């Protein structure tokens, strides 16, 4: 838990799903409700990003990507909701990270990050999350290891408005946020 004297932690969150009723985006909304004291969460929409193309980058990094880079830089940590498509991360998420990694200021470098994901199946995006940890190695982001938030059978845990209603899942998200706060403070000291 954050102590009263601890510096506030600002988190930038984003979802690798563009679907309106996305369980992963709903997971981010739940995280916003579950923040420990002294933390804030801003959710960034990736829907305006063009597909990464070196020809486009050579003409100038798109404004939405530059804005994303500024938000990453100003955040103390990242919270990423990772859907699983074909046993891996979604194209939306990979595309956003590919763009952000091309920003000359390297906003992802040394950034603490927590990941979570929801799926309708029994694996709760485990394979996608493990693949994303490989991306963290190359971009030099520092993921929280535990707890893992692997939300299985999401249809049973969200209501018709996309709100996370399952209390044990809400509890583990809260634990992840507390771990992210501790991890972020630890990395700032070193």
N, C-alpha and C. Protein backbone atom coordinates (compact mmCIF):
# COMPACT_ATOMS: atom_id res chain seq x y z
N UNK A 1 0.82 -1.19 0.00
CA UNK A 1 0.00 0.00 0.00
C UNK A 1 0.86 1.25 0.00
N UNK A 2 0.37 2.27 -0.67
CA UNK A 2 1.10 3.53 -0.75
C UNK A 2 0.99 4.25 0.59
N UNK A 3 2.09 4.74 1.05
CA UNK A 3 2.04 5.53 2.27
C UNK A 3 1.68 6.95 1.92
N UNK A 4 1.22 7.69 2.92
CA UNK A 4 0.79 9.06 2.67
C UNK A 4 1.94 9.93 2.15
N UNK A 5 3.16 9.62 2.55
CA UNK A 5 4.29 10.44 2.12
C UNK A 5 4.86 10.00 0.77
N UNK A 6 4.40 8.86 0.25
CA UNK A 6 4.93 8.36 -1.02
C UNK A 6 4.51 9.27 -2.17
N UNK A 7 5.41 9.39 -3.13
CA UNK A 7 5.12 10.19 -4.31
C UNK A 7 4.01 9.53 -5.11
N UNK A 8 3.08 10.31 -5.67
CA UNK A 8 2.02 9.72 -6.49
C UNK A 8 2.60 9.03 -7.73
N UNK A 9 1.90 8.02 -8.19
CA UNK A 9 2.31 7.28 -9.37
C UNK A 9 1.23 7.43 -10.44
N UNK A 10 1.65 7.91 -11.61
CA UNK A 10 0.72 8.07 -12.73
C UNK A 10 0.96 6.93 -13.72
N UNK A 11 -0.11 6.19 -14.03
CA UNK A 11 -0.03 5.06 -14.94
C UNK A 11 -0.73 5.42 -16.25
N UNK A 12 -0.12 5.00 -17.36
CA UNK A 12 -0.78 5.08 -18.66
C UNK A 12 -1.22 3.67 -19.02
N UNK A 13 -2.51 3.50 -19.28
CA UNK A 13 -3.05 2.21 -19.65
C UNK A 13 -3.53 2.20 -21.08
N UNK A 14 -3.42 1.05 -21.72
CA UNK A 14 -3.99 0.90 -23.07
C UNK A 14 -4.31 -0.57 -23.31
N UNK A 15 -5.28 -0.76 -24.20
CA UNK A 15 -5.77 -2.08 -24.51
C UNK A 15 -5.39 -2.45 -25.94
N UNK A 16 -5.03 -3.70 -26.12
CA UNK A 16 -4.70 -4.20 -27.46
C UNK A 16 -5.92 -4.61 -28.25
N UNK A 17 -7.09 -4.25 -27.80
CA UNK A 17 -8.33 -4.55 -28.51
C UNK A 17 -9.06 -3.26 -28.85
N UNK A 18 -9.59 -3.19 -30.05
CA UNK A 18 -10.35 -2.01 -30.48
C UNK A 18 -11.86 -2.21 -30.38
N UNK A 19 -12.28 -3.42 -30.08
CA UNK A 19 -13.71 -3.74 -30.03
C UNK A 19 -14.40 -2.94 -28.93
N UNK A 20 -15.57 -2.37 -29.26
CA UNK A 20 -16.30 -1.54 -28.29
C UNK A 20 -16.57 -2.29 -26.98
N UNK A 21 -17.00 -3.53 -27.10
CA UNK A 21 -17.35 -4.32 -25.91
C UNK A 21 -16.19 -5.20 -25.46
N UNK A 22 -14.98 -4.76 -25.69
CA UNK A 22 -13.78 -5.54 -25.35
C UNK A 22 -13.69 -5.82 -23.86
N UNK A 23 -13.49 -7.10 -23.52
CA UNK A 23 -13.26 -7.46 -22.12
C UNK A 23 -11.95 -6.86 -21.63
N UNK A 24 -10.97 -6.74 -22.52
CA UNK A 24 -9.68 -6.17 -22.11
C UNK A 24 -9.80 -4.69 -21.79
N UNK A 25 -10.55 -3.96 -22.57
CA UNK A 25 -10.78 -2.55 -22.26
C UNK A 25 -11.59 -2.44 -20.97
N UNK A 26 -12.54 -3.35 -20.77
CA UNK A 26 -13.31 -3.40 -19.52
C UNK A 26 -12.41 -3.67 -18.33
N UNK A 27 -11.37 -4.47 -18.55
CA UNK A 27 -10.41 -4.76 -17.48
C UNK A 27 -9.66 -3.50 -17.08
N UNK A 28 -9.32 -2.67 -18.06
CA UNK A 28 -8.67 -1.38 -17.75
C UNK A 28 -9.60 -0.47 -16.96
N UNK A 29 -10.87 -0.44 -17.37
CA UNK A 29 -11.84 0.38 -16.63
C UNK A 29 -11.95 -0.10 -15.18
N UNK A 30 -11.95 -1.42 -14.99
CA UNK A 30 -12.00 -1.96 -13.63
C UNK A 30 -10.76 -1.54 -12.85
N UNK A 31 -9.60 -1.58 -13.49
CA UNK A 31 -8.36 -1.17 -12.82
C UNK A 31 -8.46 0.28 -12.35
N UNK A 32 -9.09 1.11 -13.15
CA UNK A 32 -9.24 2.53 -12.78
C UNK A 32 -10.05 2.67 -11.48
N UNK A 33 -11.01 1.77 -11.30
CA UNK A 33 -11.84 1.78 -10.08
C UNK A 33 -11.08 1.21 -8.87
N UNK A 34 -10.08 0.41 -9.12
CA UNK A 34 -9.40 -0.35 -8.07
C UNK A 34 -8.04 0.21 -7.66
N UNK A 35 -7.70 1.38 -8.16
CA UNK A 35 -6.38 1.95 -7.90
C UNK A 35 -6.12 2.15 -6.41
N UNK A 36 -4.96 1.73 -5.95
CA UNK A 36 -4.58 2.06 -4.57
C UNK A 36 -4.42 3.57 -4.42
N UNK A 37 -4.48 4.01 -3.20
CA UNK A 37 -4.30 5.44 -2.91
C UNK A 37 -2.94 5.90 -3.45
N UNK A 38 -2.93 7.07 -4.05
CA UNK A 38 -1.68 7.63 -4.57
C UNK A 38 -1.37 7.24 -6.00
N UNK A 39 -2.31 6.56 -6.67
CA UNK A 39 -2.10 6.19 -8.07
C UNK A 39 -3.21 6.79 -8.92
N UNK A 40 -2.84 7.16 -10.15
CA UNK A 40 -3.83 7.59 -11.14
C UNK A 40 -3.63 6.75 -12.40
N UNK A 41 -4.68 6.61 -13.18
CA UNK A 41 -4.63 5.84 -14.41
C UNK A 41 -5.32 6.62 -15.52
N UNK A 42 -4.58 6.84 -16.58
CA UNK A 42 -5.11 7.47 -17.79
C UNK A 42 -5.14 6.38 -18.87
N UNK A 43 -6.29 6.26 -19.55
CA UNK A 43 -6.42 5.24 -20.59
C UNK A 43 -6.26 5.89 -21.96
N UNK A 44 -5.36 5.32 -22.76
CA UNK A 44 -5.06 5.84 -24.10
C UNK A 44 -5.71 4.94 -25.14
N UNK A 45 -6.32 5.57 -26.16
CA UNK A 45 -7.00 4.86 -27.24
C UNK A 45 -6.04 4.69 -28.42
N UNK A 46 -5.81 3.46 -28.83
CA UNK A 46 -4.88 3.16 -29.93
C UNK A 46 -5.56 3.12 -31.31
N UNK A 47 -6.83 3.43 -31.38
CA UNK A 47 -7.59 3.20 -32.63
C UNK A 47 -7.16 4.09 -33.80
N UNK A 48 -6.46 5.16 -33.57
CA UNK A 48 -6.09 6.06 -34.66
C UNK A 48 -4.73 5.74 -35.29
N UNK A 49 -4.03 4.76 -34.75
CA UNK A 49 -2.70 4.44 -35.26
C UNK A 49 -2.77 3.81 -36.65
N UNK A 50 -1.96 4.31 -37.59
CA UNK A 50 -1.85 3.61 -38.87
C UNK A 50 -1.01 2.35 -38.68
N UNK A 51 -1.10 1.44 -39.62
CA UNK A 51 -0.22 0.28 -39.56
C UNK A 51 1.22 0.75 -39.70
N UNK A 52 2.11 0.12 -38.92
CA UNK A 52 3.51 0.54 -39.00
C UNK A 52 4.03 0.27 -40.41
N UNK A 53 4.69 1.30 -40.96
CA UNK A 53 5.24 1.22 -42.31
C UNK A 53 6.45 2.15 -42.32
N UNK A 54 7.60 1.62 -42.65
CA UNK A 54 8.83 2.43 -42.64
C UNK A 54 8.73 3.61 -43.61
N UNK A 55 8.00 3.45 -44.71
CA UNK A 55 7.82 4.57 -45.64
C UNK A 55 7.05 5.71 -44.98
N UNK A 56 6.04 5.36 -44.20
CA UNK A 56 5.27 6.38 -43.47
C UNK A 56 6.17 7.05 -42.43
N UNK A 57 6.93 6.25 -41.69
CA UNK A 57 7.80 6.81 -40.65
C UNK A 57 8.83 7.76 -41.22
N UNK A 58 9.37 7.44 -42.39
CA UNK A 58 10.37 8.32 -43.01
C UNK A 58 9.79 9.69 -43.37
N UNK A 59 8.48 9.75 -43.58
CA UNK A 59 7.84 11.04 -43.88
C UNK A 59 7.51 11.81 -42.61
N UNK A 60 7.63 11.15 -41.48
CA UNK A 60 7.33 11.77 -40.19
C UNK A 60 6.43 10.88 -39.36
N UNK A 61 6.75 10.78 -38.10
CA UNK A 61 5.94 9.95 -37.20
C UNK A 61 4.57 10.60 -37.04
N UNK A 62 3.50 9.83 -37.21
CA UNK A 62 2.14 10.40 -37.09
C UNK A 62 1.91 11.08 -35.74
N UNK A 63 1.10 12.10 -35.76
CA UNK A 63 0.83 12.90 -34.56
C UNK A 63 0.28 12.05 -33.41
N UNK A 64 -0.61 11.10 -33.71
CA UNK A 64 -1.17 10.25 -32.65
C UNK A 64 -0.09 9.42 -31.99
N UNK A 65 0.90 9.00 -32.74
CA UNK A 65 2.01 8.23 -32.19
C UNK A 65 2.90 9.12 -31.33
N UNK A 66 3.15 10.33 -31.79
CA UNK A 66 3.95 11.27 -30.99
C UNK A 66 3.25 11.59 -29.67
N UNK A 67 1.92 11.76 -29.72
CA UNK A 67 1.15 12.00 -28.50
C UNK A 67 1.29 10.81 -27.55
N UNK A 68 1.21 9.61 -28.10
CA UNK A 68 1.39 8.38 -27.32
C UNK A 68 2.77 8.39 -26.65
N UNK A 69 3.79 8.76 -27.38
CA UNK A 69 5.14 8.83 -26.83
C UNK A 69 5.25 9.81 -25.69
N UNK A 70 4.62 10.96 -25.82
CA UNK A 70 4.63 11.97 -24.75
C UNK A 70 3.94 11.42 -23.51
N UNK A 71 2.80 10.75 -23.72
CA UNK A 71 2.05 10.19 -22.59
C UNK A 71 2.86 9.08 -21.90
N UNK A 72 3.54 8.24 -22.69
CA UNK A 72 4.38 7.19 -22.10
C UNK A 72 5.49 7.82 -21.27
N UNK A 73 6.14 8.83 -21.83
CA UNK A 73 7.25 9.50 -21.15
C UNK A 73 6.79 10.12 -19.84
N UNK A 74 5.62 10.74 -19.84
CA UNK A 74 5.14 11.42 -18.63
C UNK A 74 4.58 10.45 -17.60
N UNK A 75 4.28 9.23 -18.00
CA UNK A 75 3.77 8.23 -17.05
C UNK A 75 4.92 7.61 -16.27
N UNK A 76 4.63 7.24 -15.05
CA UNK A 76 5.61 6.54 -14.23
C UNK A 76 5.67 5.06 -14.59
N UNK A 77 4.55 4.53 -15.08
CA UNK A 77 4.47 3.11 -15.41
C UNK A 77 3.35 2.90 -16.44
N UNK A 78 3.34 1.71 -17.02
CA UNK A 78 2.33 1.33 -18.00
C UNK A 78 1.50 0.17 -17.47
N UNK A 79 0.24 0.14 -17.88
CA UNK A 79 -0.66 -0.98 -17.60
C UNK A 79 -1.29 -1.37 -18.93
N UNK A 80 -1.02 -2.59 -19.36
CA UNK A 80 -1.44 -3.01 -20.70
C UNK A 80 -2.39 -4.19 -20.59
N UNK A 81 -3.55 -4.06 -21.23
CA UNK A 81 -4.53 -5.14 -21.32
C UNK A 81 -4.29 -5.85 -22.65
N UNK A 82 -3.94 -7.14 -22.55
CA UNK A 82 -3.47 -7.89 -23.71
C UNK A 82 -4.48 -8.96 -24.13
N UNK A 83 -5.16 -8.76 -25.25
CA UNK A 83 -5.99 -9.85 -25.77
C UNK A 83 -5.10 -10.89 -26.45
N UNK A 84 -5.64 -12.07 -26.66
CA UNK A 84 -4.87 -13.11 -27.33
C UNK A 84 -5.52 -13.45 -28.67
N UNK A 85 -4.75 -13.28 -29.74
CA UNK A 85 -5.20 -13.63 -31.08
C UNK A 85 -4.23 -14.66 -31.64
N UNK A 86 -4.73 -15.81 -32.01
CA UNK A 86 -3.90 -16.85 -32.63
C UNK A 86 -2.66 -17.18 -31.80
N UNK A 87 -2.85 -17.36 -30.50
CA UNK A 87 -1.79 -17.74 -29.57
C UNK A 87 -0.75 -16.64 -29.33
N UNK A 88 -1.04 -15.40 -29.68
CA UNK A 88 -0.06 -14.33 -29.50
C UNK A 88 -0.76 -13.00 -29.24
N UNK A 89 0.02 -11.93 -29.20
CA UNK A 89 -0.52 -10.58 -28.98
C UNK A 89 -1.29 -10.13 -30.22
N UNK A 90 -2.21 -9.23 -30.02
CA UNK A 90 -2.99 -8.70 -31.13
C UNK A 90 -2.13 -7.80 -32.01
N UNK A 91 -2.51 -7.68 -33.26
CA UNK A 91 -1.83 -6.77 -34.18
C UNK A 91 -1.90 -5.34 -33.69
N UNK A 92 -3.01 -4.96 -33.08
CA UNK A 92 -3.19 -3.60 -32.56
C UNK A 92 -2.10 -3.28 -31.53
N UNK A 93 -1.91 -4.19 -30.60
CA UNK A 93 -0.90 -3.95 -29.55
C UNK A 93 0.51 -3.96 -30.12
N UNK A 94 0.81 -4.95 -30.94
CA UNK A 94 2.16 -5.03 -31.53
C UNK A 94 2.45 -3.79 -32.36
N UNK A 95 1.46 -3.34 -33.12
CA UNK A 95 1.61 -2.14 -33.94
C UNK A 95 1.93 -0.91 -33.08
N UNK A 96 1.21 -0.75 -31.98
CA UNK A 96 1.44 0.40 -31.09
C UNK A 96 2.86 0.37 -30.51
N UNK A 97 3.29 -0.81 -30.09
CA UNK A 97 4.64 -0.93 -29.53
C UNK A 97 5.69 -0.71 -30.62
N UNK A 98 5.45 -1.23 -31.82
CA UNK A 98 6.39 -1.01 -32.93
C UNK A 98 6.53 0.48 -33.21
N UNK A 99 5.42 1.21 -33.25
CA UNK A 99 5.49 2.66 -33.47
C UNK A 99 6.24 3.34 -32.32
N UNK A 100 5.85 3.04 -31.08
CA UNK A 100 6.47 3.71 -29.93
C UNK A 100 7.97 3.44 -29.87
N UNK A 101 8.38 2.26 -30.30
CA UNK A 101 9.80 1.93 -30.26
C UNK A 101 10.61 2.71 -31.30
N UNK A 102 9.94 3.32 -32.26
CA UNK A 102 10.63 4.11 -33.30
C UNK A 102 10.73 5.59 -32.96
N UNK A 103 10.11 6.00 -31.86
CA UNK A 103 10.21 7.40 -31.45
C UNK A 103 11.63 7.64 -30.95
N UNK A 104 12.33 8.66 -31.49
CA UNK A 104 13.75 8.85 -31.15
C UNK A 104 14.04 8.98 -29.65
N UNK A 105 13.11 9.51 -28.87
CA UNK A 105 13.36 9.67 -27.42
C UNK A 105 13.25 8.36 -26.65
N UNK A 106 12.86 7.27 -27.30
CA UNK A 106 12.76 5.93 -26.68
C UNK A 106 11.91 5.94 -25.40
N UNK A 107 10.62 6.29 -25.52
CA UNK A 107 9.80 6.41 -24.31
C UNK A 107 9.58 5.09 -23.56
N UNK A 108 9.71 3.96 -24.23
CA UNK A 108 9.49 2.67 -23.56
C UNK A 108 10.68 2.23 -22.71
N UNK A 109 11.84 2.78 -22.98
CA UNK A 109 13.08 2.38 -22.32
C UNK A 109 12.98 2.49 -20.80
N UNK A 110 13.22 1.38 -20.10
CA UNK A 110 13.24 1.31 -18.63
C UNK A 110 11.90 1.60 -17.97
N UNK A 111 10.82 1.45 -18.71
CA UNK A 111 9.49 1.75 -18.16
C UNK A 111 8.95 0.53 -17.41
N UNK A 112 8.54 0.71 -16.16
CA UNK A 112 7.85 -0.37 -15.46
C UNK A 112 6.51 -0.65 -16.15
N UNK A 113 6.12 -1.91 -16.21
CA UNK A 113 4.88 -2.27 -16.90
C UNK A 113 4.21 -3.43 -16.20
N UNK A 114 2.89 -3.36 -16.12
CA UNK A 114 2.08 -4.48 -15.64
C UNK A 114 1.18 -4.90 -16.79
N UNK A 115 0.98 -6.21 -16.92
CA UNK A 115 0.15 -6.72 -18.00
C UNK A 115 -0.96 -7.60 -17.42
N UNK A 116 -2.07 -7.61 -18.13
CA UNK A 116 -3.21 -8.43 -17.75
C UNK A 116 -4.01 -8.70 -19.01
N UNK A 117 -4.87 -9.69 -18.96
CA UNK A 117 -5.65 -9.98 -20.14
C UNK A 117 -6.85 -10.84 -19.83
N UNK A 118 -7.87 -10.71 -20.68
CA UNK A 118 -9.12 -11.46 -20.53
C UNK A 118 -9.45 -12.15 -21.84
N UNK A 119 -9.96 -13.37 -21.71
CA UNK A 119 -10.42 -14.09 -22.90
C UNK A 119 -11.62 -14.95 -22.54
N UNK A 120 -12.36 -15.36 -23.54
CA UNK A 120 -13.53 -16.21 -23.29
C UNK A 120 -13.14 -17.66 -23.07
N UNK A 121 -11.89 -17.99 -23.35
CA UNK A 121 -11.41 -19.37 -23.21
C UNK A 121 -10.85 -19.66 -21.83
N UNK A 122 -10.16 -20.79 -21.74
CA UNK A 122 -9.65 -21.27 -20.46
C UNK A 122 -8.22 -20.87 -20.15
N UNK A 123 -7.56 -20.11 -21.04
CA UNK A 123 -6.15 -19.77 -20.81
C UNK A 123 -5.94 -18.31 -20.42
N UNK A 124 -6.96 -17.49 -20.53
CA UNK A 124 -6.87 -16.12 -20.05
C UNK A 124 -5.74 -15.30 -20.63
N UNK A 125 -5.43 -15.48 -21.87
CA UNK A 125 -4.37 -14.76 -22.62
C UNK A 125 -2.96 -15.12 -22.16
N UNK A 126 -2.77 -16.26 -21.55
CA UNK A 126 -1.45 -16.66 -21.05
C UNK A 126 -0.40 -16.65 -22.16
N UNK A 127 -0.71 -17.23 -23.31
CA UNK A 127 0.29 -17.31 -24.39
C UNK A 127 0.64 -15.92 -24.90
N UNK A 128 -0.36 -15.06 -25.06
CA UNK A 128 -0.10 -13.69 -25.52
C UNK A 128 0.75 -12.93 -24.51
N UNK A 129 0.46 -13.10 -23.24
CA UNK A 129 1.23 -12.40 -22.21
C UNK A 129 2.68 -12.86 -22.21
N UNK A 130 2.91 -14.15 -22.38
CA UNK A 130 4.29 -14.64 -22.41
C UNK A 130 5.03 -14.14 -23.65
N UNK A 131 4.34 -14.05 -24.77
CA UNK A 131 4.96 -13.47 -25.97
C UNK A 131 5.27 -11.99 -25.75
N UNK A 132 4.36 -11.30 -25.07
CA UNK A 132 4.60 -9.88 -24.83
C UNK A 132 5.81 -9.66 -23.93
N UNK A 133 6.06 -10.57 -23.03
CA UNK A 133 7.25 -10.44 -22.18
C UNK A 133 8.52 -10.47 -23.02
N UNK A 134 8.51 -11.17 -24.15
CA UNK A 134 9.65 -11.16 -25.07
C UNK A 134 9.80 -9.76 -25.69
N UNK A 135 8.69 -9.14 -26.02
CA UNK A 135 8.73 -7.77 -26.55
C UNK A 135 9.33 -6.83 -25.50
N UNK A 136 8.98 -7.06 -24.24
CA UNK A 136 9.53 -6.23 -23.16
C UNK A 136 11.05 -6.34 -23.09
N UNK A 137 11.58 -7.52 -23.38
CA UNK A 137 13.04 -7.69 -23.37
C UNK A 137 13.68 -6.76 -24.40
N UNK A 138 13.17 -6.78 -25.63
CA UNK A 138 13.80 -5.98 -26.68
C UNK A 138 13.62 -4.48 -26.44
N UNK A 139 12.45 -4.07 -25.96
CA UNK A 139 12.19 -2.64 -25.75
C UNK A 139 12.73 -2.15 -24.40
N UNK A 140 13.25 -3.08 -23.60
CA UNK A 140 13.80 -2.78 -22.28
C UNK A 140 12.76 -2.21 -21.32
N UNK A 141 11.53 -2.70 -21.44
CA UNK A 141 10.51 -2.41 -20.43
C UNK A 141 10.69 -3.44 -19.32
N UNK A 142 10.25 -3.11 -18.11
CA UNK A 142 10.46 -3.97 -16.95
C UNK A 142 9.10 -4.43 -16.39
N UNK A 143 8.66 -5.64 -16.78
CA UNK A 143 7.33 -6.10 -16.33
C UNK A 143 7.32 -6.60 -14.89
N UNK A 144 6.19 -6.38 -14.25
CA UNK A 144 5.91 -6.99 -12.96
C UNK A 144 5.72 -8.49 -13.22
N UNK A 145 6.31 -9.32 -12.40
CA UNK A 145 6.18 -10.77 -12.61
C UNK A 145 4.92 -11.37 -11.99
N UNK A 146 4.57 -10.91 -10.78
CA UNK A 146 3.42 -11.48 -10.10
C UNK A 146 2.63 -10.39 -9.40
N UNK A 147 1.34 -10.54 -9.28
CA UNK A 147 0.54 -11.67 -9.74
C UNK A 147 0.28 -11.61 -11.23
N UNK A 148 0.03 -12.75 -11.82
CA UNK A 148 -0.40 -12.79 -13.21
C UNK A 148 -1.91 -12.65 -13.23
N UNK A 149 -2.40 -11.77 -14.09
CA UNK A 149 -3.84 -11.57 -14.22
C UNK A 149 -4.26 -12.20 -15.55
N UNK A 150 -4.75 -13.42 -15.45
CA UNK A 150 -5.16 -14.21 -16.60
C UNK A 150 -6.65 -14.49 -16.43
N UNK A 151 -7.48 -13.63 -17.00
CA UNK A 151 -8.93 -13.72 -16.78
C UNK A 151 -9.53 -14.72 -17.77
N UNK A 152 -9.95 -15.86 -17.26
CA UNK A 152 -10.55 -16.91 -18.08
C UNK A 152 -12.07 -16.77 -18.10
N UNK A 153 -12.70 -17.35 -19.10
CA UNK A 153 -14.16 -17.38 -19.22
C UNK A 153 -14.76 -16.00 -18.93
N UNK A 154 -14.27 -15.01 -19.64
CA UNK A 154 -14.64 -13.61 -19.38
C UNK A 154 -16.14 -13.35 -19.49
N UNK A 155 -16.84 -14.08 -20.33
CA UNK A 155 -18.30 -13.88 -20.46
C UNK A 155 -19.01 -14.05 -19.12
N UNK A 156 -18.44 -14.87 -18.26
CA UNK A 156 -19.03 -15.13 -16.95
C UNK A 156 -18.64 -14.07 -15.91
N UNK A 157 -17.66 -13.23 -16.23
CA UNK A 157 -17.10 -12.32 -15.23
C UNK A 157 -17.39 -10.84 -15.50
N UNK A 158 -18.01 -10.56 -16.63
CA UNK A 158 -18.38 -9.20 -17.01
C UNK A 158 -19.88 -9.13 -17.21
N UNK A 159 -20.48 -7.99 -16.89
CA UNK A 159 -21.92 -7.84 -17.15
C UNK A 159 -22.15 -7.41 -18.60
N UNK A 160 -23.38 -7.19 -18.97
CA UNK A 160 -23.72 -6.86 -20.36
C UNK A 160 -23.20 -5.49 -20.79
N UNK A 161 -22.84 -4.63 -19.83
CA UNK A 161 -22.26 -3.32 -20.16
C UNK A 161 -20.74 -3.37 -20.22
N UNK A 162 -20.16 -4.53 -20.01
CA UNK A 162 -18.71 -4.67 -20.08
C UNK A 162 -17.99 -4.35 -18.79
N UNK A 163 -18.72 -4.36 -17.68
CA UNK A 163 -18.13 -4.08 -16.37
C UNK A 163 -17.72 -5.38 -15.70
N UNK A 164 -16.53 -5.39 -15.14
CA UNK A 164 -16.02 -6.57 -14.44
C UNK A 164 -16.75 -6.71 -13.11
N UNK A 165 -17.47 -7.82 -12.94
CA UNK A 165 -18.27 -8.03 -11.73
C UNK A 165 -17.71 -9.13 -10.83
N UNK A 166 -16.78 -9.90 -11.29
CA UNK A 166 -16.23 -11.02 -10.53
C UNK A 166 -15.27 -10.52 -9.46
N UNK A 167 -15.64 -10.69 -8.19
CA UNK A 167 -14.84 -10.13 -7.10
C UNK A 167 -13.44 -10.74 -6.99
N UNK A 168 -13.26 -12.06 -7.11
CA UNK A 168 -11.89 -12.58 -7.05
C UNK A 168 -10.98 -12.00 -8.14
N UNK A 169 -11.55 -11.75 -9.32
CA UNK A 169 -10.76 -11.15 -10.40
C UNK A 169 -10.43 -9.70 -10.07
N UNK A 170 -11.39 -8.98 -9.52
CA UNK A 170 -11.13 -7.60 -9.12
C UNK A 170 -10.03 -7.57 -8.04
N UNK A 171 -10.06 -8.54 -7.14
CA UNK A 171 -9.04 -8.59 -6.08
C UNK A 171 -7.64 -8.79 -6.65
N UNK A 172 -7.50 -9.67 -7.65
CA UNK A 172 -6.17 -9.92 -8.21
C UNK A 172 -5.68 -8.72 -9.03
N UNK A 173 -6.60 -7.99 -9.66
CA UNK A 173 -6.20 -6.76 -10.36
C UNK A 173 -5.70 -5.74 -9.35
N UNK A 174 -6.37 -5.63 -8.25
CA UNK A 174 -5.92 -4.70 -7.20
C UNK A 174 -4.52 -5.09 -6.71
N UNK A 175 -4.29 -6.40 -6.53
CA UNK A 175 -2.96 -6.87 -6.12
C UNK A 175 -1.91 -6.53 -7.18
N UNK A 176 -2.27 -6.66 -8.47
CA UNK A 176 -1.34 -6.31 -9.54
C UNK A 176 -0.99 -4.82 -9.47
N UNK A 177 -1.98 -3.99 -9.24
CA UNK A 177 -1.73 -2.54 -9.16
C UNK A 177 -0.84 -2.21 -7.96
N UNK A 178 -1.04 -2.89 -6.85
CA UNK A 178 -0.18 -2.67 -5.69
C UNK A 178 1.26 -3.11 -5.99
N UNK A 179 1.39 -4.23 -6.71
CA UNK A 179 2.73 -4.70 -7.10
C UNK A 179 3.38 -3.73 -8.07
N UNK A 180 2.59 -3.18 -8.99
CA UNK A 180 3.11 -2.19 -9.94
C UNK A 180 3.60 -0.95 -9.21
N UNK A 181 2.86 -0.50 -8.21
CA UNK A 181 3.28 0.68 -7.43
C UNK A 181 4.61 0.40 -6.73
N UNK A 182 4.70 -0.76 -6.08
CA UNK A 182 5.93 -1.12 -5.39
C UNK A 182 7.10 -1.24 -6.37
N UNK A 183 6.88 -1.89 -7.50
CA UNK A 183 7.91 -2.09 -8.52
C UNK A 183 8.37 -0.75 -9.08
N UNK A 184 7.44 0.14 -9.35
CA UNK A 184 7.76 1.46 -9.90
C UNK A 184 8.61 2.25 -8.92
N UNK A 185 8.23 2.23 -7.67
CA UNK A 185 9.02 2.94 -6.65
C UNK A 185 10.42 2.34 -6.52
N UNK A 186 10.50 1.02 -6.57
CA UNK A 186 11.80 0.35 -6.46
C UNK A 186 12.71 0.73 -7.64
N UNK A 187 12.15 0.75 -8.84
CA UNK A 187 12.96 1.09 -10.01
C UNK A 187 13.39 2.56 -10.01
N UNK A 188 12.57 3.43 -9.45
CA UNK A 188 12.93 4.85 -9.37
C UNK A 188 14.12 5.08 -8.44
N UNK A 189 14.21 4.26 -7.40
CA UNK A 189 15.32 4.40 -6.44
C UNK A 189 16.65 4.03 -7.10
N UNK A 190 16.64 3.02 -7.94
CA UNK A 190 17.89 2.50 -8.53
C UNK A 190 18.25 3.18 -9.78
